[in-house]
């Protein structure tokens, strides 16, 4: 039986989970069990709106499910998912590594509102307890390397995020606790700029794996095949060898 690790995706804010479907399918086709986590903070109608604790619990429940069947896990964190993903791995002994992709690498005791290039940004529309995106700005800032039809589809996959998520304080740093970490730089990202990504990657320390992909903020949409190669390559390094 294959011992390839499962890839658990801690996505960023706003995008509906269906935006990750193709990438998840390609990971599975490559032999890696993969699961995207639907985050409660996106599009919720609950009162009060869920935030960071609920997102952490959702990711941790998926990690625990893989642990129960004896499967190692690599957590792939995208954008603001760097915060929820980092905190979700605390105490999980089946996590073999964390990959940050154009993601925030949160310091203990800090919230996203205190991070470099953190919210609010010009393309964020704050409406009370919800953060929306200004859809007229998304193609240029998030999806510029997609064709027009794909850009329109990506914009349609956008919802709102609970404002309280961005105020949630991080309490765990995987890299400081001996968890192997890596950073995937998205070199053409116009939303989370390279200087900010490099600053985040540097927090992981000199032993962290750093690689790059020539994409916008969403390579799982614009170049999923290339991203599968990068992610599985890093996952194999975490697990000591490439599995057949």
C-alpha atoms as a PDB file:
ATOM      1  CA  UNK A   1       0.000   0.000   0.000  1.00  0.00           C
ATOM      2  CA  UNK A   2       1.214   3.524  -0.803  1.00  0.00           C
ATOM      3  CA  UNK A   3       2.600   5.511   2.106  1.00  0.00           C
ATOM      4  CA  UNK A   4       2.498   8.856   0.367  1.00  0.00           C
ATOM      5  CA  UNK A   5       1.337  11.575   2.767  1.00  0.00           C
ATOM      6  CA  UNK A   6      -2.087  13.122   2.537  1.00  0.00           C
ATOM      7  CA  UNK A   7      -2.154  16.766   1.445  1.00  0.00           C
ATOM      8  CA  UNK A   8      -4.552  18.806   3.572  1.00  0.00           C
ATOM      9  CA  UNK A   9      -5.278  22.242   2.130  1.00  0.00           C
ATOM     10  CA  UNK A  10      -5.751  25.208   4.468  1.00  0.00           C
ATOM     11  CA  UNK A  11      -6.979  27.711   1.926  1.00  0.00           C
ATOM     12  CA  UNK A  12      -6.970  31.470   2.090  1.00  0.00           C
ATOM     13  CA  UNK A  13      -9.993  33.679   2.537  1.00  0.00           C
ATOM     14  CA  UNK A  14     -12.903  34.480   0.228  1.00  0.00           C
ATOM     15  CA  UNK A  15     -12.642  31.698  -2.357  1.00  0.00           C
ATOM     16  CA  UNK A  16     -15.260  28.980  -2.278  1.00  0.00           C
ATOM     17  CA  UNK A  17     -13.877  25.491  -1.872  1.00  0.00           C
ATOM     18  CA  UNK A  18     -14.848  24.491  -5.398  1.00  0.00           C
ATOM     19  CA  UNK A  19     -12.005  26.657  -6.710  1.00  0.00           C
ATOM     20  CA  UNK A  20      -9.632  23.952  -5.439  1.00  0.00           C
ATOM     21  CA  UNK A  21     -11.413  20.966  -6.979  1.00  0.00           C
ATOM     22  CA  UNK A  22      -9.196  20.522 -10.043  1.00  0.00           C
ATOM     23  CA  UNK A  23      -5.996  20.768  -8.038  1.00  0.00           C
ATOM     24  CA  UNK A  24      -7.263  18.229  -5.496  1.00  0.00           C
ATOM     25  CA  UNK A  25      -8.193  15.845  -8.324  1.00  0.00           C
ATOM     26  CA  UNK A  26      -4.710  16.142  -9.794  1.00  0.00           C
ATOM     27  CA  UNK A  27      -3.061  15.449  -6.438  1.00  0.00           C
ATOM     28  CA  UNK A  28      -5.172  12.332  -6.037  1.00  0.00           C
ATOM     29  CA  UNK A  29      -4.369  11.226  -9.575  1.00  0.00           C
ATOM     30  CA  UNK A  30      -0.678  11.519  -8.656  1.00  0.00           C
ATOM     31  CA  UNK A  31      -1.278   9.105  -5.778  1.00  0.00           C
ATOM     32  CA  UNK A  32      -1.517  11.575  -2.896  1.00  0.00           C
ATOM     33  CA  UNK A  33      -4.656  11.503  -0.773  1.00  0.00           C
ATOM     34  CA  UNK A  34      -5.784  15.117  -0.730  1.00  0.00           C
ATOM     35  CA  UNK A  35      -8.530  17.037   0.973  1.00  0.00           C
ATOM     36  CA  UNK A  36      -9.504  20.668   0.879  1.00  0.00           C
ATOM     37  CA  UNK A  37     -10.955  22.014   4.121  1.00  0.00           C
ATOM     38  CA  UNK A  38     -14.087  24.145   3.903  1.00  0.00           C
ATOM     39  CA  UNK A  39     -13.403  27.014   6.303  1.00  0.00           C
ATOM     40  CA  UNK A  40     -16.307  28.196   8.474  1.00  0.00           C
ATOM     41  CA  UNK A  41     -15.159  31.828   8.209  1.00  0.00           C
ATOM     42  CA  UNK A  42     -15.991  31.958   4.476  1.00  0.00           C
ATOM     43  CA  UNK A  43     -19.577  32.765   3.510  1.00  0.00           C
ATOM     44  CA  UNK A  44     -21.056  31.895   6.895  1.00  0.00           C
ATOM     45  CA  UNK A  45     -24.536  33.016   7.941  1.00  0.00           C
ATOM     46  CA  UNK A  46     -24.057  32.027  11.587  1.00  0.00           C
ATOM     47  CA  UNK A  47     -24.468  34.530  14.411  1.00  0.00           C
ATOM     48  CA  UNK A  48     -21.920  35.495  15.557  1.00  0.00           C
ATOM     49  CA  UNK A  49     -19.787  34.845  12.503  1.00  0.00           C
ATOM     50  CA  UNK A  50     -17.075  32.201  12.985  1.00  0.00           C
ATOM     51  CA  UNK A  51     -13.420  33.194  12.991  1.00  0.00           C
ATOM     52  CA  UNK A  52      -9.965  31.756  13.552  1.00  0.00           C
ATOM     53  CA  UNK A  53     -10.829  29.196  16.280  1.00  0.00           C
ATOM     54  CA  UNK A  54     -13.514  27.611  14.104  1.00  0.00           C
ATOM     55  CA  UNK A  55     -11.220  27.475  11.059  1.00  0.00           C
ATOM     56  CA  UNK A  56      -8.482  25.853  13.141  1.00  0.00           C
ATOM     57  CA  UNK A  57     -10.918  23.240  14.439  1.00  0.00           C
ATOM     58  CA  UNK A  58     -12.095  22.410  10.910  1.00  0.00           C
ATOM     59  CA  UNK A  59      -8.543  21.823   9.656  1.00  0.00           C
ATOM     60  CA  UNK A  60      -7.555  19.867  12.750  1.00  0.00           C
ATOM     61  CA  UNK A  61     -10.537  17.540  12.350  1.00  0.00           C
ATOM     62  CA  UNK A  62      -9.315  16.540   8.872  1.00  0.00           C
ATOM     63  CA  UNK A  63      -5.750  16.027  10.114  1.00  0.00           C
ATOM     64  CA  UNK A  64      -7.108  13.850  12.937  1.00  0.00           C
ATOM     65  CA  UNK A  65      -9.177  11.777  10.528  1.00  0.00           C
ATOM     66  CA  UNK A  66      -6.033  10.914   8.567  1.00  0.00           C
ATOM     67  CA  UNK A  67      -4.206  10.148  11.809  1.00  0.00           C
ATOM     68  CA  UNK A  68      -6.937   7.674  12.739  1.00  0.00           C
ATOM     69  CA  UNK A  69      -6.221   5.662   9.580  1.00  0.00           C
ATOM     70  CA  UNK A  70      -2.450   5.829  10.067  1.00  0.00           C
ATOM     71  CA  UNK A  71      -1.717   8.409   7.394  1.00  0.00           C
ATOM     72  CA  UNK A  72       0.917  11.133   7.606  1.00  0.00           C
ATOM     73  CA  UNK A  73      -0.183  14.612   6.554  1.00  0.00           C
ATOM     74  CA  UNK A  74       1.421  17.608   4.870  1.00  0.00           C
ATOM     75  CA  UNK A  75      -0.555  20.810   5.369  1.00  0.00           C
ATOM     76  CA  UNK A  76      -0.570  23.212   2.415  1.00  0.00           C
ATOM     77  CA  UNK A  77      -1.377  26.756   3.567  1.00  0.00           C
ATOM     78  CA  UNK A  78      -2.381  29.433   1.070  1.00  0.00           C
ATOM     79  CA  UNK A  79      -2.542  33.159   1.820  1.00  0.00           C
ATOM     80  CA  UNK A  80      -4.404  33.792   5.123  1.00  0.00           C
ATOM     81  CA  UNK A  81      -4.594  30.005   5.529  1.00  0.00           C
ATOM     82  CA  UNK A  82      -1.058  30.301   6.849  1.00  0.00           C
ATOM     83  CA  UNK A  83      -2.545  31.375  10.166  1.00  0.00           C
ATOM     84  CA  UNK A  84      -5.263  28.738  10.506  1.00  0.00           C
ATOM     85  CA  UNK A  85      -3.001  26.011   9.124  1.00  0.00           C
ATOM     86  CA  UNK A  86      -0.098  26.874  11.438  1.00  0.00           C
ATOM     87  CA  UNK A  87      -2.277  26.730  14.516  1.00  0.00           C
ATOM     88  CA  UNK A  88      -4.141  23.598  13.422  1.00  0.00           C
ATOM     89  CA  UNK A  89      -1.012  21.413  13.485  1.00  0.00           C
ATOM     90  CA  UNK A  90      -0.316  22.045  17.172  1.00  0.00           C
ATOM     91  CA  UNK A  91      -0.307  18.706  18.964  1.00  0.00           C
ATOM     92  CA  UNK A  92      -0.851  16.662  15.775  1.00  0.00           C
ATOM     93  CA  UNK A  93       1.783  13.927  15.726  1.00  0.00           C
ATOM     94  CA  UNK A  94       0.984  12.788  12.172  1.00  0.00           C
ATOM     95  CA  UNK A  95       1.963  16.090  10.523  1.00  0.00           C
ATOM     96  CA  UNK A  96       5.231  15.592   8.643  1.00  0.00           C
ATOM     97  CA  UNK A  97       5.463  19.179   7.394  1.00  0.00           C
ATOM     98  CA  UNK A  98       3.795  22.472   6.562  1.00  0.00           C
ATOM     99  CA  UNK A  99       4.029  24.192   3.176  1.00  0.00           C
ATOM    100  CA  UNK A 100       3.255  27.902   2.970  1.00  0.00           C
ATOM    101  CA  UNK A 101       2.303  29.170  -0.507  1.00  0.00           C
ATOM    102  CA  UNK A 102       2.146  32.953  -0.967  1.00  0.00           C
ATOM    103  CA  UNK A 103       0.996  32.736   2.627  1.00  0.00           C
ATOM    104  CA  UNK A 104       1.245  34.587   5.873  1.00  0.00           C
ATOM    105  CA  UNK A 105       3.666  32.984   8.336  1.00  0.00           C
ATOM    106  CA  UNK A 106       2.166  34.140  11.634  1.00  0.00           C
ATOM    107  CA  UNK A 107       4.184  35.047  14.674  1.00  0.00           C
ATOM    108  CA  UNK A 108       2.914  33.915  18.046  1.00  0.00           C
ATOM    109  CA  UNK A 109       0.839  36.624  19.678  1.00  0.00           C
ATOM    110  CA  UNK A 110       0.077  38.461  16.439  1.00  0.00           C
ATOM    111  CA  UNK A 111      -3.056  38.774  14.284  1.00  0.00           C
ATOM    112  CA  UNK A 112      -3.358  39.128  10.522  1.00  0.00           C
ATOM    113  CA  UNK A 113      -4.258  42.799  10.922  1.00  0.00           C
ATOM    114  CA  UNK A 114      -0.735  43.303  12.303  1.00  0.00           C
ATOM    115  CA  UNK A 115       1.054  41.476   9.465  1.00  0.00           C
ATOM    116  CA  UNK A 116       2.940  43.109   6.568  1.00  0.00           C
ATOM    117  CA  UNK A 117       0.540  43.474   3.626  1.00  0.00           C
ATOM    118  CA  UNK A 118      -2.272  42.300   5.873  1.00  0.00           C
ATOM    119  CA  UNK A 119      -5.853  43.520   5.620  1.00  0.00           C
ATOM    120  CA  UNK A 120      -7.381  45.818   4.785  1.00  0.00           C
ATOM    121  CA  UNK A 121      -6.071  46.233   1.238  1.00  0.00           C
ATOM    122  CA  UNK A 122      -7.471  48.423  -1.593  1.00  0.00           C
ATOM    123  CA  UNK A 123      -9.246  45.411  -3.078  1.00  0.00           C
ATOM    124  CA  UNK A 124     -11.010  44.640   0.227  1.00  0.00           C
ATOM    125  CA  UNK A 125     -14.435  46.139   0.935  1.00  0.00           C
ATOM    126  CA  UNK A 126     -15.172  46.227   4.664  1.00  0.00           C
ATOM    127  CA  UNK A 127     -18.885  45.966   5.422  1.00  0.00           C
ATOM    128  CA  UNK A 128     -19.494  45.708   9.135  1.00  0.00           C
ATOM    129  CA  UNK A 129     -18.578  42.237  10.368  1.00  0.00           C
ATOM    130  CA  UNK A 130     -17.777  40.966   6.862  1.00  0.00           C
ATOM    131  CA  UNK A 131     -14.910  41.535   4.460  1.00  0.00           C
ATOM    132  CA  UNK A 132     -15.889  41.461   0.797  1.00  0.00           C
ATOM    133  CA  UNK A 133     -13.629  41.831  -2.238  1.00  0.00           C
ATOM    134  CA  UNK A 134     -14.001  44.534  -4.880  1.00  0.00           C
ATOM    135  CA  UNK A 135     -14.716  42.215  -7.787  1.00  0.00           C
ATOM    136  CA  UNK A 136     -13.789  44.791 -10.423  1.00  0.00           C
ATOM    137  CA  UNK A 137     -10.193  44.684  -9.120  1.00  0.00           C
ATOM    138  CA  UNK A 138      -9.779  40.926  -8.798  1.00  0.00           C
ATOM    139  CA  UNK A 139      -8.770  39.992 -12.335  1.00  0.00           C
ATOM    140  CA  UNK A 140      -5.795  42.354 -12.210  1.00  0.00           C
ATOM    141  CA  UNK A 141      -4.749  41.656  -8.621  1.00  0.00           C
ATOM    142  CA  UNK A 142      -5.447  37.936  -8.162  1.00  0.00           C
ATOM    143  CA  UNK A 143      -6.118  36.230 -11.501  1.00  0.00           C
ATOM    144  CA  UNK A 144      -4.075  38.095 -14.106  1.00  0.00           C
ATOM    145  CA  UNK A 145      -2.459  34.937 -15.522  1.00  0.00           C
ATOM    146  CA  UNK A 146      -5.814  33.309 -16.325  1.00  0.00           C
ATOM    147  CA  UNK A 147      -7.663  33.726 -19.616  1.00  0.00           C
ATOM    148  CA  UNK A 148     -10.761  35.933 -19.568  1.00  0.00           C
ATOM    149  CA  UNK A 149     -13.266  33.098 -19.202  1.00  0.00           C
ATOM    150  CA  UNK A 150     -11.266  31.550 -16.358  1.00  0.00           C
ATOM    151  CA  UNK A 151     -10.935  34.944 -14.685  1.00  0.00           C
ATOM    152  CA  UNK A 152     -14.722  35.370 -14.773  1.00  0.00           C
ATOM    153  CA  UNK A 153     -15.211  31.892 -13.339  1.00  0.00           C
ATOM    154  CA  UNK A 154     -12.700  32.595 -10.568  1.00  0.00           C
ATOM    155  CA  UNK A 155     -14.422  35.850  -9.657  1.00  0.00           C
ATOM    156  CA  UNK A 156     -17.726  33.966  -9.462  1.00  0.00           C
ATOM    157  CA  UNK A 157     -16.131  31.655  -6.871  1.00  0.00           C
ATOM    158  CA  UNK A 158     -15.626  34.544  -4.438  1.00  0.00           C
ATOM    159  CA  UNK A 159     -17.621  34.942  -1.232  1.00  0.00           C
ATOM    160  CA  UNK A 160     -17.148  37.081   1.892  1.00  0.00           C
ATOM    161  CA  UNK A 161     -15.026  36.361   4.959  1.00  0.00           C
ATOM    162  CA  UNK A 162     -15.761  37.065   8.601  1.00  0.00           C
ATOM    163  CA  UNK A 163     -13.950  40.222   9.686  1.00  0.00           C
ATOM    164  CA  UNK A 164     -13.226  38.611  13.056  1.00  0.00           C
ATOM    165  CA  UNK A 165     -10.941  36.068  11.362  1.00  0.00           C
ATOM    166  CA  UNK A 166      -8.329  38.745  10.758  1.00  0.00           C
ATOM    167  CA  UNK A 167      -8.337  39.724  14.423  1.00  0.00           C
ATOM    168  CA  UNK A 168      -7.612  36.188  15.645  1.00  0.00           C
ATOM    169  CA  UNK A 169      -4.281  35.876  17.456  1.00  0.00           C
ATOM    170  CA  UNK A 170      -1.883  33.099  16.497  1.00  0.00           C
ATOM    171  CA  UNK A 171      -0.598  30.884  19.303  1.00  0.00           C
ATOM    172  CA  UNK A 172       1.674  28.355  17.573  1.00  0.00           C
ATOM    173  CA  UNK A 173       4.750  28.495  15.336  1.00  0.00           C
ATOM    174  CA  UNK A 174       5.359  25.063  13.735  1.00  0.00           C
ATOM    175  CA  UNK A 175       8.898  25.951  12.614  1.00  0.00           C
ATOM    176  CA  UNK A 176       9.848  26.881  16.180  1.00  0.00           C
ATOM    177  CA  UNK A 177       8.600  23.512  17.409  1.00  0.00           C
ATOM    178  CA  UNK A 178      10.641  21.367  15.038  1.00  0.00           C
ATOM    179  CA  UNK A 179       7.969  20.816  12.376  1.00  0.00           C
ATOM    180  CA  UNK A 180       9.610  20.830   8.900  1.00  0.00           C
ATOM    181  CA  UNK A 181       8.402  23.798   6.870  1.00  0.00           C
ATOM    182  CA  UNK A 182       8.680  25.075   3.316  1.00  0.00           C
ATOM    183  CA  UNK A 183       7.675  28.169   1.376  1.00  0.00           C
ATOM    184  CA  UNK A 184       6.463  28.360  -2.225  1.00  0.00           C
ATOM    185  CA  UNK A 185       7.002  31.849  -3.624  1.00  0.00           C
ATOM    186  CA  UNK A 186       4.549  32.971  -6.310  1.00  0.00           C
ATOM    187  CA  UNK A 187       6.828  35.237  -8.313  1.00  0.00           C
ATOM    188  CA  UNK A 188       4.102  37.013 -10.325  1.00  0.00           C
ATOM    189  CA  UNK A 189       1.793  37.625  -7.367  1.00  0.00           C
ATOM    190  CA  UNK A 190       0.248  41.112  -7.524  1.00  0.00           C
ATOM    191  CA  UNK A 191      -1.741  40.755  -4.317  1.00  0.00           C
ATOM    192  CA  UNK A 192       0.872  39.447  -1.856  1.00  0.00           C
ATOM    193  CA  UNK A 193       4.031  40.970  -3.248  1.00  0.00           C
ATOM    194  CA  UNK A 194       7.396  39.230  -3.397  1.00  0.00           C
ATOM    195  CA  UNK A 195       9.091  41.366  -0.704  1.00  0.00           C
ATOM    196  CA  UNK A 196       6.328  40.360   1.699  1.00  0.00           C
ATOM    197  CA  UNK A 197       6.566  36.709   0.689  1.00  0.00           C
ATOM    198  CA  UNK A 198      10.331  36.744   1.195  1.00  0.00           C
ATOM    199  CA  UNK A 199       9.881  38.271   4.631  1.00  0.00           C
ATOM    200  CA  UNK A 200       7.418  35.505   5.505  1.00  0.00           C
ATOM    201  CA  UNK A 201       9.722  32.784   4.147  1.00  0.00           C
ATOM    202  CA  UNK A 202      12.652  34.112   6.178  1.00  0.00           C
ATOM    203  CA  UNK A 203      10.683  33.531   9.381  1.00  0.00           C
ATOM    204  CA  UNK A 204      10.883  29.784   8.780  1.00  0.00           C
ATOM    205  CA  UNK A 205      14.643  29.796   9.313  1.00  0.00           C
ATOM    206  CA  UNK A 206      17.604  28.583   7.233  1.00  0.00           C
ATOM    207  CA  UNK A 207      16.590  24.898   7.256  1.00  0.00           C
ATOM    208  CA  UNK A 208      13.277  25.514   5.530  1.00  0.00           C
ATOM    209  CA  UNK A 209      12.836  24.515   1.902  1.00  0.00           C
ATOM    210  CA  UNK A 210      12.138  27.514  -0.336  1.00  0.00           C
ATOM    211  CA  UNK A 211      11.074  27.181  -3.947  1.00  0.00           C
ATOM    212  CA  UNK A 212       9.155  29.294  -6.450  1.00  0.00           C
ATOM    213  CA  UNK A 213       6.576  29.077  -9.177  1.00  0.00           C
ATOM    214  CA  UNK A 214       6.000  31.718 -11.851  1.00  0.00           C
ATOM    215  CA  UNK A 215       2.371  32.426 -11.110  1.00  0.00           C
ATOM    216  CA  UNK A 216      -0.164  34.839  -9.726  1.00  0.00           C
ATOM    217  CA  UNK A 217      -1.620  34.472  -6.243  1.00  0.00           C
ATOM    218  CA  UNK A 218      -3.594  31.392  -7.309  1.00  0.00           C
ATOM    219  CA  UNK A 219      -1.374  28.807  -9.049  1.00  0.00           C
ATOM    220  CA  UNK A 220      -3.888  26.081  -8.209  1.00  0.00           C
ATOM    221  CA  UNK A 221      -6.042  27.761 -10.868  1.00  0.00           C
ATOM    222  CA  UNK A 222      -3.486  29.007 -13.392  1.00  0.00           C
ATOM    223  CA  UNK A 223      -0.947  26.139 -13.397  1.00  0.00           C
ATOM    224  CA  UNK A 224      -2.246  23.195 -11.379  1.00  0.00           C
ATOM    225  CA  UNK A 225       0.017  20.597 -13.001  1.00  0.00           C
ATOM    226  CA  UNK A 226       3.166  22.558 -12.188  1.00  0.00           C
ATOM    227  CA  UNK A 227       1.920  23.171  -8.671  1.00  0.00           C
ATOM    228  CA  UNK A 228       1.274  19.454  -8.126  1.00  0.00           C
ATOM    229  CA  UNK A 229       4.899  18.780  -9.093  1.00  0.00           C
ATOM    230  CA  UNK A 230       6.202  21.391  -6.659  1.00  0.00           C
ATOM    231  CA  UNK A 231       3.960  20.431  -3.740  1.00  0.00           C
ATOM    232  CA  UNK A 232       4.516  16.684  -4.041  1.00  0.00           C
ATOM    233  CA  UNK A 233       8.264  17.219  -4.428  1.00  0.00           C
ATOM    234  CA  UNK A 234       8.374  19.123  -1.151  1.00  0.00           C
ATOM    235  CA  UNK A 235       6.079  16.589   0.535  1.00  0.00           C
ATOM    236  CA  UNK A 236       8.431  13.781  -0.495  1.00  0.00           C
ATOM    237  CA  UNK A 237      11.377  15.673   0.987  1.00  0.00           C
ATOM    238  CA  UNK A 238       9.496  15.983   4.267  1.00  0.00           C
ATOM    239  CA  UNK A 239       8.928  12.246   4.252  1.00  0.00           C
ATOM    240  CA  UNK A 240      12.535  11.384   3.432  1.00  0.00           C
ATOM    241  CA  UNK A 241      12.180  10.020  -0.087  1.00  0.00           C
ATOM    242  CA  UNK A 242      10.054  10.038  -3.198  1.00  0.00           C
ATOM    243  CA  UNK A 243       7.514   7.236  -3.045  1.00  0.00           C
ATOM    244  CA  UNK A 244       6.589   5.149  -6.085  1.00  0.00           C
END
